[in-house]
Amino acid sequence: MVIANLLTAGMTLILGLLIKYGKLYGLIAGYNTTSPDERERTDIVGLGTFIGNGMLVVTAILAGGVLLEYWNVIGAAAGSWWGFVFVVLYIAVRAQRFTN
């Protein structure tokens, strides 16, 4: 479980940094397949910042689970996946506000 947390945390960290600071908005799921009309109505800078921040929060949750597991908190790594799920669902719902 710890290895899965570390691998996922590394991947979300890289993706979060690429989206937020690298401005690789094509990495946002669904954005690259939207119509040109819908892309014009989307605040992509705000969406990219929001998604990037969300990915960094997910990274912190998973890394925190690994750290707590290292400190012998039983079930911390597995429990961090619940935080992962809730944050990803929150991101998916709240990201809709960036499309007019």
C-alpha atoms as a PDB file:
ATOM      1  CA  MET A   1       0.000   0.000   0.000  1.00  0.00           C
ATOM      2  CA  VAL A   2       2.867   2.354   0.791  1.00  0.00           C
ATOM      3  CA  ILE A   3       4.434   1.835  -2.627  1.00  0.00           C
ATOM      4  CA  ALA A   4       1.101   2.534  -4.349  1.00  0.00           C
ATOM      5  CA  ASN A   5       0.759   5.746  -2.326  1.00  0.00           C
ATOM      6  CA  LEU A   6       4.270   6.878  -3.217  1.00  0.00           C
ATOM      7  CA  LEU A   7       3.854   6.144  -6.919  1.00  0.00           C
ATOM      8  CA  THR A   8       0.483   7.878  -7.089  1.00  0.00           C
ATOM      9  CA  ALA A   9       1.744  10.837  -5.051  1.00  0.00           C
ATOM     10  CA  GLY A  10       4.693  11.218  -7.426  1.00  0.00           C
ATOM     11  CA  MET A  11       2.449  11.066 -10.462  1.00  0.00           C
ATOM     12  CA  THR A  12      -0.072  13.589  -9.081  1.00  0.00           C
ATOM     13  CA  LEU A  13       2.772  15.901  -8.047  1.00  0.00           C
ATOM     14  CA  ILE A  14       4.230  15.893 -11.552  1.00  0.00           C
ATOM     15  CA  LEU A  15       0.824  16.351 -13.208  1.00  0.00           C
ATOM     16  CA  GLY A  16      -0.183  19.099 -10.776  1.00  0.00           C
ATOM     17  CA  LEU A  17       3.019  21.032 -11.418  1.00  0.00           C
ATOM     18  CA  LEU A  18       2.750  20.578 -15.184  1.00  0.00           C
ATOM     19  CA  ILE A  19      -0.845  21.799 -15.253  1.00  0.00           C
ATOM     20  CA  LYS A  20      -0.469  24.681 -12.816  1.00  0.00           C
ATOM     21  CA  TYR A  21       2.984  26.041 -13.624  1.00  0.00           C
ATOM     22  CA  GLY A  22       3.728  24.454 -17.006  1.00  0.00           C
ATOM     23  CA  LYS A  23       0.335  25.522 -18.356  1.00  0.00           C
ATOM     24  CA  LEU A  24      -0.179  22.144 -20.034  1.00  0.00           C
ATOM     25  CA  TYR A  25      -3.956  22.446 -19.964  1.00  0.00           C
ATOM     26  CA  GLY A  26      -4.315  19.626 -22.476  1.00  0.00           C
ATOM     27  CA  LEU A  27      -3.587  17.249 -19.587  1.00  0.00           C
ATOM     28  CA  ILE A  28      -6.914  18.154 -17.977  1.00  0.00           C
ATOM     29  CA  ALA A  29      -9.307  15.299 -18.661  1.00  0.00           C
ATOM     30  CA  GLY A  30     -12.052  16.313 -21.050  1.00  0.00           C
ATOM     31  CA  TYR A  31     -10.658  19.731 -21.931  1.00  0.00           C
ATOM     32  CA  ASN A  32      -8.770  18.581 -25.003  1.00  0.00           C
ATOM     33  CA  THR A  33     -11.922  17.004 -26.475  1.00  0.00           C
ATOM     34  CA  THR A  34     -14.260  19.961 -25.978  1.00  0.00           C
ATOM     35  CA  SER A  35     -15.580  21.941 -28.897  1.00  0.00           C
ATOM     36  CA  PRO A  36     -13.877  25.231 -29.813  1.00  0.00           C
ATOM     37  CA  ASP A  37     -17.040  27.089 -28.747  1.00  0.00           C
ATOM     38  CA  GLU A  38     -16.918  25.552 -25.283  1.00  0.00           C
ATOM     39  CA  ARG A  39     -13.200  26.235 -25.005  1.00  0.00           C
ATOM     40  CA  GLU A  40     -13.907  29.931 -25.572  1.00  0.00           C
ATOM     41  CA  ARG A  41     -16.404  29.894 -22.701  1.00  0.00           C
ATOM     42  CA  THR A  42     -13.990  28.174 -20.324  1.00  0.00           C
ATOM     43  CA  ASP A  43     -11.761  30.147 -17.960  1.00  0.00           C
ATOM     44  CA  ILE A  44      -8.778  27.899 -18.635  1.00  0.00           C
ATOM     45  CA  VAL A  45      -6.336  29.814 -16.439  1.00  0.00           C
ATOM     46  CA  GLY A  46      -8.677  29.541 -13.456  1.00  0.00           C
ATOM     47  CA  LEU A  47      -9.443  25.915 -14.242  1.00  0.00           C
ATOM     48  CA  GLY A  48      -5.758  25.066 -14.629  1.00  0.00           C
ATOM     49  CA  THR A  49      -4.912  26.719 -11.318  1.00  0.00           C
ATOM     50  CA  PHE A  50      -7.792  24.943  -9.568  1.00  0.00           C
ATOM     51  CA  ILE A  51      -6.927  21.518 -11.000  1.00  0.00           C
ATOM     52  CA  GLY A  52      -3.213  22.038 -10.309  1.00  0.00           C
ATOM     53  CA  ASN A  53      -3.900  23.008  -6.703  1.00  0.00           C
ATOM     54  CA  GLY A  54      -6.232  20.042  -6.312  1.00  0.00           C
ATOM     55  CA  MET A  55      -3.554  17.676  -7.585  1.00  0.00           C
ATOM     56  CA  LEU A  56      -1.086  19.115  -5.092  1.00  0.00           C
ATOM     57  CA  VAL A  57      -3.597  18.586  -2.261  1.00  0.00           C
ATOM     58  CA  VAL A  58      -4.059  14.977  -3.373  1.00  0.00           C
ATOM     59  CA  THR A  59      -0.268  14.590  -3.344  1.00  0.00           C
ATOM     60  CA  ALA A  60      -0.117  15.904   0.224  1.00  0.00           C
ATOM     61  CA  ILE A  61      -2.875  13.535   1.365  1.00  0.00           C
ATOM     62  CA  LEU A  62      -1.167  10.473  -0.101  1.00  0.00           C
ATOM     63  CA  ALA A  63       2.276  11.492   1.136  1.00  0.00           C
ATOM     64  CA  GLY A  64       0.793  12.196   4.559  1.00  0.00           C
ATOM     65  CA  GLY A  65      -0.629   8.676   4.606  1.00  0.00           C
ATOM     66  CA  VAL A  66       2.824   7.277   3.898  1.00  0.00           C
ATOM     67  CA  LEU A  67       4.392   9.436   6.594  1.00  0.00           C
ATOM     68  CA  LEU A  68       1.804   8.398   9.180  1.00  0.00           C
ATOM     69  CA  GLU A  69       2.277   4.772   8.186  1.00  0.00           C
ATOM     70  CA  TYR A  70       6.017   5.227   8.716  1.00  0.00           C
ATOM     71  CA  TRP A  71       5.222   6.503  12.219  1.00  0.00           C
ATOM     72  CA  ASN A  72       3.285   3.256  12.813  1.00  0.00           C
ATOM     73  CA  VAL A  73      -0.217   4.692  12.536  1.00  0.00           C
ATOM     74  CA  ILE A  74      -2.058   1.558  11.493  1.00  0.00           C
ATOM     75  CA  GLY A  75      -4.153   1.944   8.361  1.00  0.00           C
ATOM     76  CA  ALA A  76      -2.979   5.469   7.548  1.00  0.00           C
ATOM     77  CA  ALA A  77      -1.837   4.626   4.018  1.00  0.00           C
ATOM     78  CA  ALA A  78      -5.105   2.856   3.254  1.00  0.00           C
ATOM     79  CA  GLY A  79      -7.121   5.617   4.899  1.00  0.00           C
ATOM     80  CA  SER A  80      -5.432   8.261   2.791  1.00  0.00           C
ATOM     81  CA  TRP A  81      -7.158   6.742  -0.245  1.00  0.00           C
ATOM     82  CA  TRP A  82     -10.506   7.822   1.228  1.00  0.00           C
ATOM     83  CA  GLY A  83      -9.175  11.376   1.328  1.00  0.00           C
ATOM     84  CA  PHE A  84      -7.986  10.924  -2.244  1.00  0.00           C
ATOM     85  CA  VAL A  85     -11.469   9.869  -3.386  1.00  0.00           C
ATOM     86  CA  PHE A  86     -13.239  12.742  -1.606  1.00  0.00           C
ATOM     87  CA  VAL A  87     -10.851  15.379  -2.943  1.00  0.00           C
ATOM     88  CA  VAL A  88     -11.040  14.058  -6.518  1.00  0.00           C
ATOM     89  CA  LEU A  89     -14.846  14.077  -6.364  1.00  0.00           C
ATOM     90  CA  TYR A  90     -14.778  17.622  -4.975  1.00  0.00           C
ATOM     91  CA  ILE A  91     -12.463  18.711  -7.793  1.00  0.00           C
ATOM     92  CA  ALA A  92     -14.693  17.109 -10.431  1.00  0.00           C
ATOM     93  CA  VAL A  93     -17.805  18.867  -9.121  1.00  0.00           C
ATOM     94  CA  ARG A  94     -16.268  22.277  -8.428  1.00  0.00           C
ATOM     95  CA  ALA A  95     -14.407  22.412 -11.763  1.00  0.00           C
ATOM     96  CA  GLN A  96     -17.757  22.928 -13.475  1.00  0.00           C
ATOM     97  CA  ARG A  97     -17.834  26.545 -12.262  1.00  0.00           C
ATOM     98  CA  PHE A  98     -15.102  27.518 -14.730  1.00  0.00           C
ATOM     99  CA  THR A  99     -17.365  26.927 -17.733  1.00  0.00           C
ATOM    100  CA  ASN A 100     -19.885  29.697 -18.433  1.00  0.00           C
END
